[in-house]
Amino acid sequence: MRNDPGMRCEVTRESLSARLDGERPDVLPQQIDAHLDSCRACRNWLIDAAVQTRRLASIPPGEGPDLVDKILASIHGDAPPRQRWMRVLR
């Protein structure tokens, strides 16, 4: 960082990441913006991170595995016997 000796790229990027995630960064927005004005690397990082954040947000959550039968079987004692090697690990 060039203009503000108190702000390093690492701190700026952590704050930008928090901002992208909708969290409140620990650093004042003016400090972040001042750093971005003078640091091309962090501006590029912000662009890349914003693109990735949008991409991830556009992906719908997937279906989790259907574990209902397996869980109910284990509760009722109908679970398949454990494999022999599992006993060795105990």
PDB file of N, CA and C in Angstrom:
ATOM      1  N   MET A   1       0.821  -1.168   0.000  1.00  0.00           N
ATOM      2  CA  MET A   1       0.000   0.000   0.000  1.00  0.00           C
ATOM      3  C   MET A   1       0.872   1.239   0.000  1.00  0.00           C
ATOM      4  N   ARG A   2       0.423   2.239  -0.665  1.00  0.00           N
ATOM      5  CA  ARG A   2       1.287   3.385  -0.863  1.00  0.00           C
ATOM      6  C   ARG A   2       0.910   4.603  -0.015  1.00  0.00           C
ATOM      7  N   ASN A   3      -0.330   5.010  -0.023  1.00  0.00           N
ATOM      8  CA  ASN A   3      -0.706   6.264   0.640  1.00  0.00           C
ATOM      9  C   ASN A   3      -0.943   6.133   2.140  1.00  0.00           C
ATOM     10  N   ASP A   4      -1.443   5.017   2.600  1.00  0.00           N
ATOM     11  CA  ASP A   4      -1.779   4.842   4.011  1.00  0.00           C
ATOM     12  C   ASP A   4      -0.900   3.745   4.588  1.00  0.00           C
ATOM     13  N   PRO A   5       0.165   4.119   5.296  1.00  0.00           N
ATOM     14  CA  PRO A   5       1.077   3.099   5.811  1.00  0.00           C
ATOM     15  C   PRO A   5       0.425   2.176   6.835  1.00  0.00           C
ATOM     16  N   GLY A   6      -0.739   2.571   7.384  1.00  0.00           N
ATOM     17  CA  GLY A   6      -1.410   1.728   8.366  1.00  0.00           C
ATOM     18  C   GLY A   6      -2.222   0.602   7.756  1.00  0.00           C
ATOM     19  N   MET A   7      -2.474   0.660   6.459  1.00  0.00           N
ATOM     20  CA  MET A   7      -3.302  -0.360   5.805  1.00  0.00           C
ATOM     21  C   MET A   7      -2.429  -1.235   4.913  1.00  0.00           C
ATOM     22  N   ARG A   8      -2.439  -2.530   5.199  1.00  0.00           N
ATOM     23  CA  ARG A   8      -1.739  -3.492   4.354  1.00  0.00           C
ATOM     24  C   ARG A   8      -2.757  -4.181   3.466  1.00  0.00           C
ATOM     25  N   CYS A   9      -2.265  -4.776   2.395  1.00  0.00           N
ATOM     26  CA  CYS A   9      -3.149  -5.484   1.463  1.00  0.00           C
ATOM     27  C   CYS A   9      -3.911  -6.598   2.171  1.00  0.00           C
ATOM     28  N   GLU A  10      -3.252  -7.322   3.046  1.00  0.00           N
ATOM     29  CA  GLU A  10      -3.908  -8.440   3.741  1.00  0.00           C
ATOM     30  C   GLU A  10      -5.115  -7.953   4.545  1.00  0.00           C
ATOM     31  N   VAL A  11      -4.944  -6.869   5.269  1.00  0.00           N
ATOM     32  CA  VAL A  11      -6.034  -6.308   6.074  1.00  0.00           C
ATOM     33  C   VAL A  11      -7.150  -5.804   5.166  1.00  0.00           C
ATOM     34  N   THR A  12      -6.769  -5.153   4.092  1.00  0.00           N
ATOM     35  CA  THR A  12      -7.763  -4.640   3.150  1.00  0.00           C
ATOM     36  C   THR A  12      -8.576  -5.774   2.555  1.00  0.00           C
ATOM     37  N   ARG A  13      -7.914  -6.837   2.134  1.00  0.00           N
ATOM     38  CA  ARG A  13      -8.617  -7.952   1.496  1.00  0.00           C
ATOM     39  C   ARG A  13      -9.528  -8.686   2.473  1.00  0.00           C
ATOM     40  N   GLU A  14      -9.105  -8.808   3.716  1.00  0.00           N
ATOM     41  CA  GLU A  14      -9.989  -9.408   4.726  1.00  0.00           C
ATOM     42  C   GLU A  14     -11.239  -8.544   4.910  1.00  0.00           C
ATOM     43  N   SER A  15     -11.048  -7.242   4.929  1.00  0.00           N
ATOM     44  CA  SER A  15     -12.177  -6.322   5.081  1.00  0.00           C
ATOM     45  C   SER A  15     -13.084  -6.354   3.860  1.00  0.00           C
ATOM     46  N   LEU A  16     -12.492  -6.432   2.679  1.00  0.00           N
ATOM     47  CA  LEU A  16     -13.286  -6.523   1.455  1.00  0.00           C
ATOM     48  C   LEU A  16     -14.075  -7.824   1.415  1.00  0.00           C
ATOM     49  N   SER A  17     -13.453  -8.903   1.856  1.00  0.00           N
ATOM     50  CA  SER A  17     -14.141 -10.194   1.900  1.00  0.00           C
ATOM     51  C   SER A  17     -15.343 -10.122   2.830  1.00  0.00           C
ATOM     52  N   ALA A  18     -15.157  -9.510   3.983  1.00  0.00           N
ATOM     53  CA  ALA A  18     -16.270  -9.340   4.919  1.00  0.00           C
ATOM     54  C   ALA A  18     -17.374  -8.507   4.275  1.00  0.00           C
ATOM     55  N   ARG A  19     -17.002  -7.449   3.615  1.00  0.00           N
ATOM     56  CA  ARG A  19     -17.985  -6.583   2.949  1.00  0.00           C
ATOM     57  C   ARG A  19     -18.761  -7.367   1.889  1.00  0.00           C
ATOM     58  N   LEU A  20     -18.063  -8.176   1.095  1.00  0.00           N
ATOM     59  CA  LEU A  20     -18.729  -8.978   0.063  1.00  0.00           C
ATOM     60  C   LEU A  20     -19.686 -10.006   0.665  1.00  0.00           C
ATOM     61  N   ASP A  21     -19.357 -10.487   1.857  1.00  0.00           N
ATOM     62  CA  ASP A  21     -20.204 -11.479   2.527  1.00  0.00           C
ATOM     63  C   ASP A  21     -21.346 -10.840   3.309  1.00  0.00           C
ATOM     64  N   GLY A  22     -21.453  -9.522   3.250  1.00  0.00           N
ATOM     65  CA  GLY A  22     -22.517  -8.832   3.965  1.00  0.00           C
ATOM     66  C   GLY A  22     -22.198  -8.603   5.427  1.00  0.00           C
ATOM     67  N   GLU A  23     -20.948  -8.792   5.800  1.00  0.00           N
ATOM     68  CA  GLU A  23     -20.525  -8.575   7.183  1.00  0.00           C
ATOM     69  C   GLU A  23     -19.966  -7.161   7.325  1.00  0.00           C
ATOM     70  N   ARG A  24     -19.853  -6.741   8.556  1.00  0.00           N
ATOM     71  CA  ARG A  24     -19.292  -5.420   8.827  1.00  0.00           C
ATOM     72  C   ARG A  24     -17.782  -5.566   9.036  1.00  0.00           C
ATOM     73  N   PRO A  25     -16.977  -4.942   8.179  1.00  0.00           N
ATOM     74  CA  PRO A  25     -15.525  -5.068   8.340  1.00  0.00           C
ATOM     75  C   PRO A  25     -15.037  -4.320   9.577  1.00  0.00           C
ATOM     76  N   ASP A  26     -13.869  -4.726  10.070  1.00  0.00           N
ATOM     77  CA  ASP A  26     -13.276  -4.085  11.241  1.00  0.00           C
ATOM     78  C   ASP A  26     -12.604  -2.756  10.899  1.00  0.00           C
ATOM     79  N   VAL A  27     -12.452  -2.488   9.618  1.00  0.00           N
ATOM     80  CA  VAL A  27     -11.757  -1.292   9.154  1.00  0.00           C
ATOM     81  C   VAL A  27     -12.784  -0.304   8.608  1.00  0.00           C
ATOM     82  N   LEU A  28     -12.546   0.963   8.819  1.00  0.00           N
ATOM     83  CA  LEU A  28     -13.453   1.996   8.310  1.00  0.00           C
ATOM     84  C   LEU A  28     -13.517   1.948   6.785  1.00  0.00           C
ATOM     85  N   PRO A  29     -14.706   2.128   6.229  1.00  0.00           N
ATOM     86  CA  PRO A  29     -14.841   2.116   4.764  1.00  0.00           C
ATOM     87  C   PRO A  29     -13.926   3.132   4.071  1.00  0.00           C
ATOM     88  N   GLN A  30     -13.698   4.278   4.712  1.00  0.00           N
ATOM     89  CA  GLN A  30     -12.830   5.294   4.117  1.00  0.00           C
ATOM     90  C   GLN A  30     -11.399   4.780   3.982  1.00  0.00           C
ATOM     91  N   GLN A  31     -10.950   3.995   4.963  1.00  0.00           N
ATOM     92  CA  GLN A  31      -9.600   3.436   4.897  1.00  0.00           C
ATOM     93  C   GLN A  31      -9.501   2.407   3.771  1.00  0.00           C
ATOM     94  N   ILE A  32     -10.534   1.588   3.646  1.00  0.00           N
ATOM     95  CA  ILE A  32     -10.551   0.585   2.579  1.00  0.00           C
ATOM     96  C   ILE A  32     -10.529   1.283   1.225  1.00  0.00           C
ATOM     97  N   ASP A  33     -11.387   2.284   1.060  1.00  0.00           N
ATOM     98  CA  ASP A  33     -11.471   2.998  -0.216  1.00  0.00           C
ATOM     99  C   ASP A  33     -10.167   3.723  -0.537  1.00  0.00           C
ATOM    100  N   ALA A  34      -9.538   4.302   0.476  1.00  0.00           N
ATOM    101  CA  ALA A  34      -8.261   4.985   0.252  1.00  0.00           C
ATOM    102  C   ALA A  34      -7.206   3.989  -0.222  1.00  0.00           C
ATOM    103  N   HIS A  35      -7.200   2.811   0.379  1.00  0.00           N
ATOM    104  CA  HIS A  35      -6.238   1.794  -0.041  1.00  0.00           C
ATOM    105  C   HIS A  35      -6.522   1.365  -1.477  1.00  0.00           C
ATOM    106  N   LEU A  36      -7.790   1.141  -1.797  1.00  0.00           N
ATOM    107  CA  LEU A  36      -8.152   0.731  -3.158  1.00  0.00           C
ATOM    108  C   LEU A  36      -7.754   1.789  -4.190  1.00  0.00           C
ATOM    109  N   ASP A  37      -7.849   3.062  -3.812  1.00  0.00           N
ATOM    110  CA  ASP A  37      -7.458   4.135  -4.732  1.00  0.00           C
ATOM    111  C   ASP A  37      -5.984   4.052  -5.109  1.00  0.00           C
ATOM    112  N   SER A  38      -5.170   3.524  -4.210  1.00  0.00           N
ATOM    113  CA  SER A  38      -3.726   3.529  -4.448  1.00  0.00           C
ATOM    114  C   SER A  38      -3.131   2.151  -4.739  1.00  0.00           C
ATOM    115  N   CYS A  39      -3.954   1.099  -4.720  1.00  0.00           N
ATOM    116  CA  CYS A  39      -3.400  -0.257  -4.860  1.00  0.00           C
ATOM    117  C   CYS A  39      -4.130  -1.025  -5.967  1.00  0.00           C
ATOM    118  N   ARG A  40      -3.489  -1.138  -7.096  1.00  0.00           N
ATOM    119  CA  ARG A  40      -4.086  -1.839  -8.230  1.00  0.00           C
ATOM    120  C   ARG A  40      -4.289  -3.322  -7.918  1.00  0.00           C
ATOM    121  N   ALA A  41      -3.366  -3.930  -7.197  1.00  0.00           N
ATOM    122  CA  ALA A  41      -3.483  -5.360  -6.876  1.00  0.00           C
ATOM    123  C   ALA A  41      -4.751  -5.636  -6.068  1.00  0.00           C
ATOM    124  N   CYS A  42      -5.064  -4.783  -5.120  1.00  0.00           N
ATOM    125  CA  CYS A  42      -6.275  -4.988  -4.316  1.00  0.00           C
ATOM    126  C   CYS A  42      -7.539  -4.674  -5.114  1.00  0.00           C
ATOM    127  N   ARG A  43      -7.466  -3.720  -6.021  1.00  0.00           N
ATOM    128  CA  ARG A  43      -8.622  -3.465  -6.896  1.00  0.00           C
ATOM    129  C   ARG A  43      -8.902  -4.694  -7.756  1.00  0.00           C
ATOM    130  N   ASN A  44      -7.848  -5.278  -8.312  1.00  0.00           N
ATOM    131  CA  ASN A  44      -8.022  -6.495  -9.118  1.00  0.00           C
ATOM    132  C   ASN A  44      -8.542  -7.647  -8.266  1.00  0.00           C
ATOM    133  N   TRP A  45      -8.033  -7.752  -7.041  1.00  0.00           N
ATOM    134  CA  TRP A  45      -8.494  -8.804  -6.132  1.00  0.00           C
ATOM    135  C   TRP A  45      -9.985  -8.632  -5.862  1.00  0.00           C
ATOM    136  N   LEU A  46     -10.414  -7.398  -5.635  1.00  0.00           N
ATOM    137  CA  LEU A  46     -11.827  -7.122  -5.361  1.00  0.00           C
ATOM    138  C   LEU A  46     -12.701  -7.508  -6.551  1.00  0.00           C
ATOM    139  N   ILE A  47     -12.266  -7.179  -7.742  1.00  0.00           N
ATOM    140  CA  ILE A  47     -13.040  -7.541  -8.938  1.00  0.00           C
ATOM    141  C   ILE A  47     -13.182  -9.055  -9.029  1.00  0.00           C
ATOM    142  N   ASP A  48     -12.069  -9.774  -8.878  1.00  0.00           N
ATOM    143  CA  ASP A  48     -12.107 -11.242  -8.950  1.00  0.00           C
ATOM    144  C   ASP A  48     -12.983 -11.837  -7.849  1.00  0.00           C
ATOM    145  N   ALA A  49     -12.845 -11.310  -6.633  1.00  0.00           N
ATOM    146  CA  ALA A  49     -13.630 -11.837  -5.511  1.00  0.00           C
ATOM    147  C   ALA A  49     -15.116 -11.556  -5.703  1.00  0.00           C
ATOM    148  N   ALA A  50     -15.450 -10.390  -6.236  1.00  0.00           N
ATOM    149  CA  ALA A  50     -16.860 -10.060  -6.471  1.00  0.00           C
ATOM    150  C   ALA A  50     -17.459 -10.976  -7.534  1.00  0.00           C
ATOM    151  N   VAL A  51     -16.690 -11.270  -8.572  1.00  0.00           N
ATOM    152  CA  VAL A  51     -17.165 -12.187  -9.619  1.00  0.00           C
ATOM    153  C   VAL A  51     -17.415 -13.569  -9.025  1.00  0.00           C
ATOM    154  N   GLN A  52     -16.473 -14.063  -8.224  1.00  0.00           N
ATOM    155  CA  GLN A  52     -16.636 -15.386  -7.612  1.00  0.00           C
ATOM    156  C   GLN A  52     -17.822 -15.413  -6.652  1.00  0.00           C
ATOM    157  N   THR A  53     -18.006 -14.341  -5.898  1.00  0.00           N
ATOM    158  CA  THR A  53     -19.133 -14.270  -4.963  1.00  0.00           C
ATOM    159  C   THR A  53     -20.459 -14.340  -5.714  1.00  0.00           C
ATOM    160  N   ARG A  54     -20.557 -13.604  -6.826  1.00  0.00           N
ATOM    161  CA  ARG A  54     -21.783 -13.649  -7.636  1.00  0.00           C
ATOM    162  C   ARG A  54     -21.999 -15.035  -8.230  1.00  0.00           C
ATOM    163  N   ARG A  55     -20.936 -15.657  -8.708  1.00  0.00           N
ATOM    164  CA  ARG A  55     -21.065 -17.004  -9.283  1.00  0.00           C
ATOM    165  C   ARG A  55     -21.559 -17.998  -8.235  1.00  0.00           C
ATOM    166  N   LEU A  56     -20.960 -17.956  -7.067  1.00  0.00           N
ATOM    167  CA  LEU A  56     -21.364 -18.889  -6.010  1.00  0.00           C
ATOM    168  C   LEU A  56     -22.795 -18.630  -5.557  1.00  0.00           C
ATOM    169  N   ALA A  57     -23.187 -17.364  -5.504  1.00  0.00           N
ATOM    170  CA  ALA A  57     -24.550 -17.032  -5.079  1.00  0.00           C
ATOM    171  C   ALA A  57     -25.588 -17.495  -6.093  1.00  0.00           C
ATOM    172  N   SER A  58     -25.178 -17.646  -7.346  1.00  0.00           N
ATOM    173  CA  SER A  58     -26.133 -18.040  -8.386  1.00  0.00           C
ATOM    174  C   SER A  58     -26.344 -19.549  -8.452  1.00  0.00           C
ATOM    175  N   ILE A  59     -25.538 -20.311  -7.735  1.00  0.00           N
ATOM    176  CA  ILE A  59     -25.668 -21.768  -7.748  1.00  0.00           C
ATOM    177  C   ILE A  59     -26.676 -22.181  -6.680  1.00  0.00           C
ATOM    178  N   PRO A  60     -27.740 -22.869  -7.071  1.00  0.00           N
ATOM    179  CA  PRO A  60     -28.713 -23.299  -6.061  1.00  0.00           C
ATOM    180  C   PRO A  60     -28.111 -24.393  -5.179  1.00  0.00           C
ATOM    181  N   PRO A  61     -28.510 -24.422  -3.914  1.00  0.00           N
ATOM    182  CA  PRO A  61     -27.993 -25.480  -3.041  1.00  0.00           C
ATOM    183  C   PRO A  61     -28.453 -26.839  -3.545  1.00  0.00           C
ATOM    184  N   GLY A  62     -27.581 -27.802  -3.444  1.00  0.00           N
ATOM    185  CA  GLY A  62     -27.910 -29.149  -3.905  1.00  0.00           C
ATOM    186  C   GLY A  62     -28.672 -29.932  -2.858  1.00  0.00           C
ATOM    187  N   GLU A  63     -29.247 -31.003  -3.312  1.00  0.00           N
ATOM    188  CA  GLU A  63     -29.940 -31.914  -2.399  1.00  0.00           C
ATOM    189  C   GLU A  63     -28.898 -32.653  -1.558  1.00  0.00           C
ATOM    190  N   GLY A  64     -29.149 -32.746  -0.293  1.00  0.00           N
ATOM    191  CA  GLY A  64     -28.284 -33.536   0.565  1.00  0.00           C
ATOM    192  C   GLY A  64     -28.643 -35.006   0.434  1.00  0.00           C
ATOM    193  N   PRO A  65     -27.809 -35.865   0.956  1.00  0.00           N
ATOM    194  CA  PRO A  65     -28.126 -37.291   0.874  1.00  0.00           C
ATOM    195  C   PRO A  65     -29.363 -37.620   1.708  1.00  0.00           C
ATOM    196  N   ASP A  66     -30.154 -38.560   1.251  1.00  0.00           N
ATOM    197  CA  ASP A  66     -31.346 -38.984   1.979  1.00  0.00           C
ATOM    198  C   ASP A  66     -30.925 -40.018   3.017  1.00  0.00           C
ATOM    199  N   LEU A  67     -30.840 -39.586   4.248  1.00  0.00           N
ATOM    200  CA  LEU A  67     -30.358 -40.450   5.327  1.00  0.00           C
ATOM    201  C   LEU A  67     -31.463 -40.903   6.266  1.00  0.00           C
ATOM    202  N   VAL A  68     -32.700 -40.592   5.963  1.00  0.00           N
ATOM    203  CA  VAL A  68     -33.804 -40.890   6.874  1.00  0.00           C
ATOM    204  C   VAL A  68     -33.863 -42.377   7.203  1.00  0.00           C
ATOM    205  N   ASP A  69     -33.887 -43.240   6.189  1.00  0.00           N
ATOM    206  CA  ASP A  69     -33.991 -44.682   6.441  1.00  0.00           C
ATOM    207  C   ASP A  69     -32.816 -45.197   7.259  1.00  0.00           C
ATOM    208  N   LYS A  70     -31.623 -44.736   6.945  1.00  0.00           N
ATOM    209  CA  LYS A  70     -30.426 -45.188   7.665  1.00  0.00           C
ATOM    210  C   LYS A  70     -30.474 -44.751   9.134  1.00  0.00           C
ATOM    211  N   ILE A  71     -30.898 -43.525   9.368  1.00  0.00           N
ATOM    212  CA  ILE A  71     -30.976 -43.017  10.741  1.00  0.00           C
ATOM    213  C   ILE A  71     -32.052 -43.751  11.527  1.00  0.00           C
ATOM    214  N   LEU A  72     -33.222 -43.914  10.927  1.00  0.00           N
ATOM    215  CA  LEU A  72     -34.297 -44.630  11.618  1.00  0.00           C
ATOM    216  C   LEU A  72     -33.895 -46.073  11.909  1.00  0.00           C
ATOM    217  N   ALA A  73     -33.205 -46.712  10.984  1.00  0.00           N
ATOM    218  CA  ALA A  73     -32.754 -48.085  11.206  1.00  0.00           C
ATOM    219  C   ALA A  73     -31.774 -48.148  12.372  1.00  0.00           C
ATOM    220  N   SER A  74     -30.901 -47.170  12.475  1.00  0.00           N
ATOM    221  CA  SER A  74     -29.934 -47.193  13.576  1.00  0.00           C
ATOM    222  C   SER A  74     -30.612 -46.936  14.915  1.00  0.00           C
ATOM    223  N   ILE A  75     -31.676 -46.143  14.920  1.00  0.00           N
ATOM    224  CA  ILE A  75     -32.413 -45.872  16.158  1.00  0.00           C
ATOM    225  C   ILE A  75     -33.159 -47.116  16.622  1.00  0.00           C
ATOM    226  N   HIS A  76     -33.735 -47.829  15.689  1.00  0.00           N
ATOM    227  CA  HIS A  76     -34.534 -49.007  16.019  1.00  0.00           C
ATOM    228  C   HIS A  76     -33.707 -50.285  16.118  1.00  0.00           C
ATOM    229  N   GLY A  77     -32.422 -50.185  15.982  1.00  0.00           N
ATOM    230  CA  GLY A  77     -31.574 -51.367  16.102  1.00  0.00           C
ATOM    231  C   GLY A  77     -31.537 -52.222  14.853  1.00  0.00           C
ATOM    232  N   ASP A  78     -32.022 -51.709  13.755  1.00  0.00           N
ATOM    233  CA  ASP A  78     -32.023 -52.466  12.513  1.00  0.00           C
ATOM    234  C   ASP A  78     -30.812 -52.159  11.645  1.00  0.00           C
ATOM    235  N   ALA A  79     -29.867 -51.480  12.200  1.00  0.00           N
ATOM    236  CA  ALA A  79     -28.705 -51.104  11.401  1.00  0.00           C
ATOM    237  C   ALA A  79     -27.908 -52.342  11.026  1.00  0.00           C
ATOM    238  N   PRO A  80     -27.312 -52.326   9.853  1.00  0.00           N
ATOM    239  CA  PRO A  80     -26.490 -53.474   9.465  1.00  0.00           C
ATOM    240  C   PRO A  80     -25.305 -53.603  10.415  1.00  0.00           C
ATOM    241  N   PRO A  81     -24.834 -54.815  10.644  1.00  0.00           N
ATOM    242  CA  PRO A  81     -23.705 -54.991  11.564  1.00  0.00           C
ATOM    243  C   PRO A  81     -22.476 -54.244  11.061  1.00  0.00           C
ATOM    244  N   ARG A  82     -21.709 -53.762  12.008  1.00  0.00           N
ATOM    245  CA  ARG A  82     -20.484 -53.053  11.649  1.00  0.00           C
ATOM    246  C   ARG A  82     -19.480 -54.037  11.076  1.00  0.00           C
ATOM    247  N   GLN A  83     -18.676 -53.517  10.231  1.00  0.00           N
ATOM    248  CA  GLN A  83     -17.654 -54.372   9.651  1.00  0.00           C
ATOM    249  C   GLN A  83     -16.591 -54.678  10.693  1.00  0.00           C
ATOM    250  N   ARG A  84     -15.936 -55.779  10.504  1.00  0.00           N
ATOM    251  CA  ARG A  84     -14.963 -56.261  11.477  1.00  0.00           C
ATOM    252  C   ARG A  84     -13.860 -55.232  11.737  1.00  0.00           C
ATOM    253  N   TRP A  85     -13.373 -54.593  10.702  1.00  0.00           N
ATOM    254  CA  TRP A  85     -12.278 -53.647  10.885  1.00  0.00           C
ATOM    255  C   TRP A  85     -12.695 -52.451  11.724  1.00  0.00           C
ATOM    256  N   MET A  86     -13.996 -52.173  11.777  1.00  0.00           N
ATOM    257  CA  MET A  86     -14.462 -51.076  12.613  1.00  0.00           C
ATOM    258  C   MET A  86     -14.241 -51.397  14.088  1.00  0.00           C
ATOM    259  N   ARG A  87     -14.375 -52.674  14.455  1.00  0.00           N
ATOM    260  CA  ARG A  87     -14.139 -53.062  15.850  1.00  0.00           C
ATOM    261  C   ARG A  87     -12.672 -52.891  16.224  1.00  0.00           C
ATOM    262  N   VAL A  88     -11.807 -53.098  15.280  1.00  0.00           N
ATOM    263  CA  VAL A  88     -10.375 -52.953  15.539  1.00  0.00           C
ATOM    264  C   VAL A  88     -10.029 -51.493  15.810  1.00  0.00           C
ATOM    265  N   LEU A  89     -10.715 -50.601  15.158  1.00  0.00           N
ATOM    266  CA  LEU A  89     -10.433 -49.178  15.314  1.00  0.00           C
ATOM    267  C   LEU A  89     -10.926 -48.617  16.636  1.00  0.00           C
ATOM    268  N   ARG A  90     -11.813 -49.309  17.296  1.00  0.00           N
ATOM    269  CA  ARG A  90     -12.355 -48.806  18.561  1.00  0.00           C
ATOM    270  C   ARG A  90     -11.353 -48.796  19.628  1.00  0.00           C
TER     271      ARG A  90
END
